[in-house]
């Protein structure tokens, strides 16, 4: 089964429509999508607007591939359960989000070799055609890596980050 998820805050019809068209063109009947607050109807895939967290985790467990927006919850859950994940980040220029943080997230995880990324509809359909979904992904451990702990410690002890010349203080 292929699980498509867009999170719960905003719809991502461009992603779901692309997967629906792909499933129809390939006569796939094994695609389920959690579509968020969308009123769109899809012809080739099963959909639900929302599913509870336990049910979501069960869907991820049962899937051979997760296709998602570049939301941290979706990415981390898939990696935690050792599932292949293909993400298409929302884009601010298309009115899908207020900024391009999902593009940055997708690029960062892709650079680590942990996820596959499609930046547009054509690339998503192509990757769906060619992605080997039978090979799982390495599961994330239940503990933070030493590198992550060092990075967070440096951030906290440094008092924040510099962004466009502004010091952001994160102390309580």
N, C-alpha and C. Protein backbone atom coordinates (compact mmCIF):
# COMPACT_ATOMS: atom_id res chain seq x y z
N UNK A 1 0.83 -1.18 0.00
CA UNK A 1 0.00 0.00 0.00
C UNK A 1 0.88 1.25 0.00
N UNK A 2 0.42 2.27 -0.69
CA UNK A 2 1.06 3.58 -0.67
C UNK A 2 0.19 4.50 0.17
N UNK A 3 0.80 5.14 1.15
CA UNK A 3 0.11 6.10 1.99
C UNK A 3 0.52 7.49 1.57
N UNK A 4 -0.47 8.34 1.33
CA UNK A 4 -0.24 9.75 1.03
C UNK A 4 -0.74 10.54 2.22
N UNK A 5 0.04 11.49 2.70
CA UNK A 5 -0.40 12.31 3.82
C UNK A 5 0.03 13.76 3.63
N UNK A 6 -0.87 14.66 3.97
CA UNK A 6 -0.59 16.09 3.83
C UNK A 6 -0.64 16.83 5.16
N UNK A 7 -0.77 16.08 6.26
CA UNK A 7 -0.88 16.73 7.55
C UNK A 7 -2.30 17.20 7.81
N UNK A 8 -2.47 17.97 8.87
CA UNK A 8 -3.82 18.33 9.29
C UNK A 8 -4.13 19.82 9.20
N UNK A 9 -3.13 20.66 8.96
CA UNK A 9 -3.38 22.09 9.03
C UNK A 9 -3.94 22.70 7.76
N UNK A 10 -3.39 22.36 6.63
CA UNK A 10 -3.87 22.91 5.36
C UNK A 10 -3.87 21.83 4.29
N UNK A 11 -4.75 21.98 3.32
CA UNK A 11 -4.79 21.00 2.23
C UNK A 11 -3.55 21.16 1.36
N UNK A 12 -3.29 20.13 0.58
CA UNK A 12 -2.18 20.15 -0.38
C UNK A 12 -2.68 19.40 -1.60
N UNK A 13 -3.67 20.00 -2.26
CA UNK A 13 -4.35 19.35 -3.38
C UNK A 13 -3.43 19.05 -4.55
N UNK A 14 -2.41 19.86 -4.77
CA UNK A 14 -1.47 19.62 -5.88
C UNK A 14 -0.79 18.26 -5.71
N UNK A 15 -0.36 17.94 -4.51
CA UNK A 15 0.28 16.65 -4.25
C UNK A 15 -0.71 15.51 -4.43
N UNK A 16 -1.87 15.62 -3.81
CA UNK A 16 -2.85 14.52 -3.86
C UNK A 16 -3.36 14.32 -5.27
N UNK A 17 -3.63 15.41 -5.99
CA UNK A 17 -4.12 15.31 -7.38
C UNK A 17 -3.09 14.60 -8.26
N UNK A 18 -1.81 14.89 -8.06
CA UNK A 18 -0.75 14.25 -8.85
C UNK A 18 -0.73 12.74 -8.59
N UNK A 19 -0.84 12.34 -7.32
CA UNK A 19 -0.83 10.92 -7.00
C UNK A 19 -2.11 10.25 -7.52
N UNK A 20 -3.25 10.93 -7.43
CA UNK A 20 -4.50 10.38 -7.94
C UNK A 20 -4.40 10.14 -9.45
N UNK A 21 -3.88 11.13 -10.18
CA UNK A 21 -3.71 10.97 -11.64
C UNK A 21 -2.75 9.82 -11.94
N UNK A 22 -1.64 9.75 -11.19
CA UNK A 22 -0.66 8.68 -11.38
C UNK A 22 -1.30 7.32 -11.13
N UNK A 23 -2.06 7.20 -10.04
CA UNK A 23 -2.71 5.92 -9.71
C UNK A 23 -3.71 5.51 -10.79
N UNK A 24 -4.45 6.46 -11.31
CA UNK A 24 -5.42 6.16 -12.37
C UNK A 24 -4.76 5.71 -13.65
N UNK A 25 -3.67 6.36 -14.02
CA UNK A 25 -2.96 6.02 -15.26
C UNK A 25 -2.29 4.65 -15.17
N UNK A 26 -2.02 4.20 -13.96
CA UNK A 26 -1.32 2.92 -13.78
C UNK A 26 -2.21 1.85 -13.16
N UNK A 27 -3.51 2.13 -13.10
CA UNK A 27 -4.50 1.19 -12.55
C UNK A 27 -4.10 0.70 -11.16
N UNK A 28 -3.61 1.61 -10.33
CA UNK A 28 -3.23 1.26 -8.96
C UNK A 28 -4.47 1.39 -8.07
N UNK A 29 -4.71 0.37 -7.27
CA UNK A 29 -5.85 0.41 -6.35
C UNK A 29 -5.39 0.27 -4.90
N UNK A 30 -4.11 0.54 -4.66
CA UNK A 30 -3.53 0.35 -3.33
C UNK A 30 -3.04 1.66 -2.72
N UNK A 31 -3.71 2.77 -3.06
CA UNK A 31 -3.29 4.08 -2.56
C UNK A 31 -4.36 4.64 -1.63
N UNK A 32 -3.93 5.05 -0.44
CA UNK A 32 -4.82 5.71 0.53
C UNK A 32 -4.22 7.07 0.85
N UNK A 33 -5.06 8.10 0.89
CA UNK A 33 -4.57 9.45 1.17
C UNK A 33 -5.33 10.10 2.31
N UNK A 34 -4.57 10.67 3.22
CA UNK A 34 -5.10 11.55 4.26
C UNK A 34 -4.94 12.95 3.70
N UNK A 35 -6.08 13.64 3.40
CA UNK A 35 -6.05 14.86 2.59
C UNK A 35 -6.24 16.15 3.37
N UNK A 36 -6.39 16.09 4.68
CA UNK A 36 -6.55 17.31 5.45
C UNK A 36 -7.85 18.02 5.14
N UNK A 37 -7.91 19.32 5.40
CA UNK A 37 -9.15 20.07 5.24
C UNK A 37 -9.47 20.42 3.78
N UNK A 38 -9.44 19.45 2.92
CA UNK A 38 -9.71 19.65 1.50
C UNK A 38 -11.11 19.16 1.17
N UNK A 39 -11.74 19.82 0.24
CA UNK A 39 -13.05 19.38 -0.24
C UNK A 39 -12.96 18.73 -1.62
N UNK A 40 -11.76 18.51 -2.10
CA UNK A 40 -11.57 17.88 -3.41
C UNK A 40 -12.03 16.43 -3.38
N UNK A 41 -12.50 15.96 -4.50
CA UNK A 41 -12.87 14.56 -4.68
C UNK A 41 -11.86 13.94 -5.63
N UNK A 42 -11.46 12.72 -5.30
CA UNK A 42 -10.47 12.02 -6.13
C UNK A 42 -11.09 10.74 -6.66
N UNK A 43 -10.70 10.37 -7.87
CA UNK A 43 -11.35 9.26 -8.56
C UNK A 43 -10.64 7.92 -8.42
N UNK A 44 -9.35 7.93 -8.15
CA UNK A 44 -8.58 6.69 -8.23
C UNK A 44 -7.98 6.22 -6.90
N UNK A 45 -8.11 7.01 -5.87
CA UNK A 45 -7.53 6.66 -4.57
C UNK A 45 -8.58 6.79 -3.48
N UNK A 46 -8.39 6.04 -2.41
CA UNK A 46 -9.26 6.17 -1.24
C UNK A 46 -8.75 7.33 -0.39
N UNK A 47 -9.66 8.10 0.20
CA UNK A 47 -9.24 9.26 0.98
C UNK A 47 -10.04 9.40 2.27
N UNK A 48 -9.41 10.04 3.22
CA UNK A 48 -10.05 10.52 4.46
C UNK A 48 -9.43 11.88 4.73
N UNK A 49 -10.25 12.79 5.23
CA UNK A 49 -9.70 14.10 5.56
C UNK A 49 -8.73 14.01 6.73
N UNK A 50 -9.15 13.34 7.79
CA UNK A 50 -8.33 13.24 8.99
C UNK A 50 -8.36 11.82 9.53
N UNK A 51 -7.27 11.40 10.11
CA UNK A 51 -7.21 10.13 10.83
C UNK A 51 -6.49 10.40 12.15
N UNK A 52 -6.84 9.66 13.18
CA UNK A 52 -6.23 9.92 14.49
C UNK A 52 -4.78 9.41 14.49
N UNK A 53 -3.96 9.88 15.43
CA UNK A 53 -2.54 9.53 15.44
C UNK A 53 -2.25 8.03 15.48
N UNK A 54 -3.03 7.27 16.23
CA UNK A 54 -2.80 5.82 16.29
C UNK A 54 -3.08 5.19 14.94
N UNK A 55 -4.18 5.60 14.32
CA UNK A 55 -4.53 5.08 13.00
C UNK A 55 -3.48 5.48 11.96
N UNK A 56 -2.98 6.71 12.05
CA UNK A 56 -1.94 7.17 11.14
C UNK A 56 -0.70 6.28 11.25
N UNK A 57 -0.28 6.02 12.47
CA UNK A 57 0.89 5.17 12.69
C UNK A 57 0.67 3.78 12.12
N UNK A 58 -0.56 3.24 12.28
CA UNK A 58 -0.89 1.93 11.72
C UNK A 58 -0.82 1.95 10.20
N UNK A 59 -1.30 3.03 9.58
CA UNK A 59 -1.21 3.15 8.12
C UNK A 59 0.25 3.19 7.67
N UNK A 60 1.09 3.94 8.38
CA UNK A 60 2.51 4.00 8.02
C UNK A 60 3.13 2.61 8.15
N UNK A 61 2.84 1.92 9.24
CA UNK A 61 3.36 0.56 9.46
C UNK A 61 2.99 -0.37 8.30
N UNK A 62 1.76 -0.24 7.79
CA UNK A 62 1.26 -1.14 6.75
C UNK A 62 1.71 -0.74 5.35
N UNK A 63 2.27 0.44 5.19
CA UNK A 63 2.61 0.94 3.86
C UNK A 63 3.97 0.44 3.39
N UNK A 64 4.12 0.38 2.08
CA UNK A 64 5.42 0.11 1.49
C UNK A 64 6.12 1.41 1.12
N UNK A 65 5.34 2.50 1.01
CA UNK A 65 5.86 3.81 0.68
C UNK A 65 4.95 4.86 1.28
N UNK A 66 5.56 5.92 1.80
CA UNK A 66 4.82 7.08 2.28
C UNK A 66 5.14 8.23 1.33
N UNK A 67 4.10 8.89 0.84
CA UNK A 67 4.25 10.08 0.00
C UNK A 67 3.65 11.22 0.82
N UNK A 68 4.42 12.28 1.02
CA UNK A 68 3.98 13.30 1.97
C UNK A 68 4.45 14.69 1.61
N UNK A 69 3.84 15.67 2.26
CA UNK A 69 4.39 17.02 2.29
C UNK A 69 5.67 16.92 3.11
N UNK A 70 6.44 17.97 3.17
CA UNK A 70 7.71 17.90 3.90
C UNK A 70 7.51 18.33 5.35
N UNK A 71 6.50 17.76 5.99
CA UNK A 71 6.25 18.04 7.40
C UNK A 71 7.08 17.12 8.27
N UNK A 72 7.58 17.66 9.36
CA UNK A 72 8.47 16.89 10.23
C UNK A 72 7.78 15.66 10.82
N UNK A 73 6.51 15.77 11.20
CA UNK A 73 5.82 14.62 11.77
C UNK A 73 5.75 13.46 10.81
N UNK A 74 5.43 13.74 9.56
CA UNK A 74 5.34 12.69 8.55
C UNK A 74 6.71 12.08 8.27
N UNK A 75 7.72 12.92 8.12
CA UNK A 75 9.06 12.44 7.83
C UNK A 75 9.59 11.58 8.98
N UNK A 76 9.50 12.10 10.18
CA UNK A 76 10.06 11.38 11.32
C UNK A 76 9.33 10.07 11.57
N UNK A 77 8.00 10.06 11.45
CA UNK A 77 7.26 8.82 11.65
C UNK A 77 7.68 7.76 10.63
N UNK A 78 7.78 8.14 9.37
CA UNK A 78 8.20 7.18 8.34
C UNK A 78 9.60 6.65 8.62
N UNK A 79 10.52 7.55 8.95
CA UNK A 79 11.89 7.11 9.21
C UNK A 79 11.98 6.26 10.47
N UNK A 80 11.22 6.64 11.47
CA UNK A 80 11.20 5.88 12.72
C UNK A 80 10.74 4.44 12.49
N UNK A 81 9.80 4.27 11.56
CA UNK A 81 9.26 2.94 11.29
C UNK A 81 9.96 2.24 10.12
N UNK A 82 11.03 2.84 9.61
CA UNK A 82 11.81 2.21 8.55
C UNK A 82 11.11 2.17 7.22
N UNK A 83 10.28 3.16 6.93
CA UNK A 83 9.55 3.20 5.65
C UNK A 83 10.19 4.18 4.69
N UNK A 84 10.18 3.82 3.42
CA UNK A 84 10.63 4.75 2.38
C UNK A 84 9.65 5.91 2.35
N UNK A 85 10.18 7.12 2.17
CA UNK A 85 9.32 8.29 2.08
C UNK A 85 9.77 9.17 0.93
N UNK A 86 8.78 9.60 0.18
CA UNK A 86 8.95 10.52 -0.94
C UNK A 86 8.17 11.77 -0.58
N UNK A 87 8.86 12.90 -0.51
CA UNK A 87 8.17 14.13 -0.14
C UNK A 87 8.15 15.12 -1.29
N UNK A 88 7.10 15.91 -1.32
CA UNK A 88 7.01 17.06 -2.22
C UNK A 88 6.68 18.25 -1.32
N UNK A 89 7.63 19.16 -1.15
CA UNK A 89 7.40 20.28 -0.25
C UNK A 89 6.36 21.26 -0.79
N UNK A 90 5.60 21.83 0.15
CA UNK A 90 4.69 22.92 -0.20
C UNK A 90 5.55 24.12 -0.60
N UNK A 91 5.00 24.95 -1.51
CA UNK A 91 5.75 26.12 -1.97
C UNK A 91 4.96 27.39 -1.70
N UNK A 92 5.63 28.34 -1.10
CA UNK A 92 4.99 29.62 -0.78
C UNK A 92 4.54 30.35 -2.05
N UNK A 93 5.32 30.26 -3.12
CA UNK A 93 4.99 30.96 -4.36
C UNK A 93 3.67 30.48 -4.97
N UNK A 94 3.24 29.28 -4.57
CA UNK A 94 1.97 28.74 -5.07
C UNK A 94 0.84 28.90 -4.04
N UNK A 95 1.12 29.62 -2.97
CA UNK A 95 0.12 29.85 -1.94
C UNK A 95 -0.14 28.64 -1.06
N UNK A 96 0.79 27.69 -1.03
CA UNK A 96 0.60 26.46 -0.26
C UNK A 96 1.09 26.59 1.18
N UNK A 97 1.88 27.62 1.44
CA UNK A 97 2.38 27.87 2.79
C UNK A 97 2.84 29.31 2.86
N UNK A 98 3.15 29.78 4.07
CA UNK A 98 3.54 31.18 4.24
C UNK A 98 5.01 31.44 3.89
N UNK A 99 5.82 30.38 3.89
CA UNK A 99 7.23 30.51 3.50
C UNK A 99 7.69 29.17 2.94
N UNK A 100 8.96 29.08 2.59
CA UNK A 100 9.49 27.86 1.97
C UNK A 100 10.28 26.99 2.93
N UNK A 101 9.89 26.96 4.18
CA UNK A 101 10.61 26.11 5.14
C UNK A 101 10.52 24.63 4.77
N UNK A 102 9.45 24.21 4.09
CA UNK A 102 9.37 22.80 3.69
C UNK A 102 10.38 22.47 2.60
N UNK A 103 10.67 23.42 1.74
CA UNK A 103 11.70 23.21 0.72
C UNK A 103 13.05 23.02 1.41
N UNK A 104 13.35 23.86 2.39
CA UNK A 104 14.61 23.75 3.13
C UNK A 104 14.69 22.42 3.88
N UNK A 105 13.59 22.01 4.51
CA UNK A 105 13.55 20.73 5.23
C UNK A 105 13.82 19.58 4.28
N UNK A 106 13.15 19.59 3.14
CA UNK A 106 13.31 18.50 2.16
C UNK A 106 14.75 18.43 1.66
N UNK A 107 15.34 19.57 1.37
CA UNK A 107 16.72 19.58 0.88
C UNK A 107 17.67 19.04 1.93
N UNK A 108 17.46 19.41 3.17
CA UNK A 108 18.35 18.98 4.25
C UNK A 108 18.29 17.46 4.44
N UNK A 109 17.07 16.90 4.51
CA UNK A 109 16.94 15.45 4.69
C UNK A 109 17.45 14.70 3.45
N UNK A 110 17.20 15.25 2.26
CA UNK A 110 17.67 14.60 1.04
C UNK A 110 19.19 14.57 0.99
N UNK A 111 19.82 15.65 1.45
CA UNK A 111 21.29 15.71 1.46
C UNK A 111 21.88 14.65 2.38
N UNK A 112 21.12 14.25 3.38
CA UNK A 112 21.56 13.20 4.30
C UNK A 112 21.27 11.81 3.73
N UNK A 113 20.56 11.76 2.59
CA UNK A 113 20.23 10.49 1.97
C UNK A 113 19.10 9.74 2.67
N UNK A 114 18.32 10.43 3.47
CA UNK A 114 17.27 9.76 4.24
C UNK A 114 15.92 9.72 3.53
N UNK A 115 15.68 10.64 2.61
CA UNK A 115 14.38 10.71 1.93
C UNK A 115 14.59 10.95 0.44
N UNK A 116 13.53 10.71 -0.31
CA UNK A 116 13.48 11.09 -1.72
C UNK A 116 12.65 12.36 -1.80
N UNK A 117 13.00 13.25 -2.71
CA UNK A 117 12.28 14.51 -2.84
C UNK A 117 11.89 14.74 -4.29
N UNK A 118 10.67 15.21 -4.48
CA UNK A 118 10.19 15.67 -5.78
C UNK A 118 9.78 17.13 -5.59
N UNK A 119 10.27 18.01 -6.42
CA UNK A 119 9.96 19.43 -6.26
C UNK A 119 8.81 19.90 -7.13
N UNK A 120 8.32 19.03 -8.03
CA UNK A 120 7.14 19.39 -8.83
C UNK A 120 6.38 18.12 -9.20
N UNK A 121 5.25 18.32 -9.86
CA UNK A 121 4.36 17.20 -10.17
C UNK A 121 4.99 16.18 -11.11
N UNK A 122 5.70 16.64 -12.13
CA UNK A 122 6.33 15.71 -13.07
C UNK A 122 7.38 14.84 -12.38
N UNK A 123 8.17 15.48 -11.53
CA UNK A 123 9.20 14.74 -10.80
C UNK A 123 8.56 13.74 -9.83
N UNK A 124 7.44 14.12 -9.23
CA UNK A 124 6.74 13.20 -8.31
C UNK A 124 6.27 11.96 -9.06
N UNK A 125 5.61 12.14 -10.19
CA UNK A 125 5.13 10.99 -10.97
C UNK A 125 6.29 10.12 -11.44
N UNK A 126 7.37 10.75 -11.88
CA UNK A 126 8.54 9.99 -12.33
C UNK A 126 9.15 9.18 -11.18
N UNK A 127 9.27 9.79 -10.02
CA UNK A 127 9.84 9.06 -8.88
C UNK A 127 8.92 7.94 -8.42
N UNK A 128 7.61 8.15 -8.50
CA UNK A 128 6.68 7.07 -8.16
C UNK A 128 6.86 5.89 -9.10
N UNK A 129 7.13 6.18 -10.37
CA UNK A 129 7.36 5.11 -11.34
C UNK A 129 8.66 4.34 -11.09
N UNK A 130 9.66 5.00 -10.58
CA UNK A 130 10.99 4.40 -10.51
C UNK A 130 11.51 4.09 -9.11
N UNK A 131 10.79 4.49 -8.11
CA UNK A 131 11.26 4.26 -6.74
C UNK A 131 11.05 2.81 -6.35
N UNK A 132 12.10 2.19 -5.88
CA UNK A 132 12.01 0.81 -5.41
C UNK A 132 11.41 0.82 -4.01
N UNK A 133 10.12 0.54 -3.91
CA UNK A 133 9.44 0.62 -2.61
C UNK A 133 9.57 -0.67 -1.82
N UNK A 134 10.19 -1.67 -2.37
CA UNK A 134 10.32 -2.93 -1.66
C UNK A 134 11.50 -2.93 -0.69
N UNK A 135 12.43 -2.00 -0.89
CA UNK A 135 13.54 -1.87 0.04
C UNK A 135 13.15 -0.87 1.11
N UNK A 136 13.19 -1.29 2.35
CA UNK A 136 12.86 -0.40 3.45
C UNK A 136 13.96 0.62 3.66
N UNK A 137 13.74 1.46 4.60
CA UNK A 137 14.71 2.48 4.98
C UNK A 137 15.24 2.12 6.35
N UNK A 138 16.42 2.59 6.66
CA UNK A 138 16.97 2.35 7.99
C UNK A 138 16.11 3.08 9.02
N UNK A 139 15.74 2.39 10.08
CA UNK A 139 14.92 3.01 11.13
C UNK A 139 15.75 4.02 11.91
N UNK A 140 15.09 5.10 12.29
CA UNK A 140 15.72 6.05 13.20
C UNK A 140 15.77 5.43 14.58
N UNK A 141 16.80 5.71 15.31
CA UNK A 141 16.89 5.22 16.68
C UNK A 141 15.97 6.02 17.60
N UNK A 142 15.73 5.48 18.77
CA UNK A 142 14.88 6.14 19.73
C UNK A 142 15.57 7.23 20.52
N UNK A 143 16.86 7.42 20.27
CA UNK A 143 17.63 8.44 20.98
C UNK A 143 18.30 9.36 19.97
N UNK A 144 18.56 10.57 20.42
CA UNK A 144 19.22 11.55 19.56
C UNK A 144 20.67 11.14 19.32
N UNK A 145 21.17 11.43 18.13
CA UNK A 145 22.56 11.14 17.81
C UNK A 145 23.48 12.10 18.56
N UNK A 146 24.72 11.70 18.81
CA UNK A 146 25.67 12.61 19.46
C UNK A 146 25.84 13.92 18.68
N UNK A 147 25.79 13.84 17.34
CA UNK A 147 25.93 15.05 16.52
C UNK A 147 24.76 16.00 16.77
N UNK A 148 23.54 15.48 16.85
CA UNK A 148 22.38 16.33 17.11
C UNK A 148 22.49 16.96 18.49
N UNK A 149 22.89 16.19 19.47
CA UNK A 149 23.03 16.72 20.83
C UNK A 149 24.07 17.84 20.86
N UNK A 150 25.22 17.66 20.18
CA UNK A 150 26.25 18.70 20.12
C UNK A 150 25.72 19.96 19.44
N UNK A 151 25.00 19.78 18.35
CA UNK A 151 24.45 20.93 17.62
C UNK A 151 23.46 21.70 18.47
N UNK A 152 22.56 21.00 19.14
CA UNK A 152 21.58 21.66 20.01
C UNK A 152 22.27 22.35 21.19
N UNK A 153 23.25 21.68 21.78
CA UNK A 153 23.98 22.28 22.92
C UNK A 153 24.67 23.57 22.47
N UNK A 154 25.32 23.55 21.31
CA UNK A 154 25.99 24.74 20.80
C UNK A 154 24.99 25.87 20.55
N UNK A 155 23.84 25.52 20.02
CA UNK A 155 22.80 26.51 19.76
C UNK A 155 22.33 27.15 21.07
N UNK A 156 22.02 26.31 22.06
CA UNK A 156 21.50 26.81 23.33
C UNK A 156 22.56 27.63 24.06
N UNK A 157 23.78 27.12 24.13
CA UNK A 157 24.84 27.82 24.84
C UNK A 157 25.25 29.10 24.11
N UNK A 158 25.03 29.14 22.80
CA UNK A 158 25.34 30.34 22.03
C UNK A 158 24.29 31.43 22.16
N UNK A 159 23.17 31.12 22.79
CA UNK A 159 22.14 32.13 23.02
C UNK A 159 21.24 32.39 21.85
N UNK A 160 21.29 31.58 20.82
CA UNK A 160 20.40 31.79 19.69
C UNK A 160 21.14 31.67 18.38
N UNK A 161 20.53 32.20 17.35
CA UNK A 161 21.11 32.16 16.02
C UNK A 161 21.10 33.55 15.43
N UNK A 162 21.95 33.75 14.47
CA UNK A 162 21.94 35.02 13.75
C UNK A 162 21.20 34.81 12.44
N UNK A 163 20.24 35.66 12.20
CA UNK A 163 19.47 35.59 10.97
C UNK A 163 19.34 36.98 10.41
N UNK A 164 19.93 37.23 9.29
CA UNK A 164 19.90 38.54 8.64
C UNK A 164 20.34 39.64 9.61
N UNK A 165 21.42 39.35 10.36
CA UNK A 165 21.97 40.36 11.25
C UNK A 165 21.26 40.53 12.56
N UNK A 166 20.24 39.72 12.83
CA UNK A 166 19.49 39.85 14.07
C UNK A 166 19.78 38.68 14.97
N UNK A 167 20.10 38.94 16.24
CA UNK A 167 20.30 37.87 17.19
C UNK A 167 18.95 37.45 17.77
N UNK A 168 18.64 36.19 17.68
CA UNK A 168 17.39 35.69 18.21
C UNK A 168 17.71 35.00 19.52
N UNK A 169 17.18 35.48 20.63
CA UNK A 169 17.45 34.91 21.94
C UNK A 169 16.40 33.85 22.24
N UNK A 170 16.86 32.65 22.56
CA UNK A 170 15.93 31.56 22.85
C UNK A 170 15.91 31.21 24.33
N UNK A 171 16.58 32.00 25.18
CA UNK A 171 16.59 31.68 26.60
C UNK A 171 15.24 32.03 27.23
N UNK A 172 14.92 31.31 28.31
CA UNK A 172 13.63 31.51 28.95
C UNK A 172 13.65 32.70 29.88
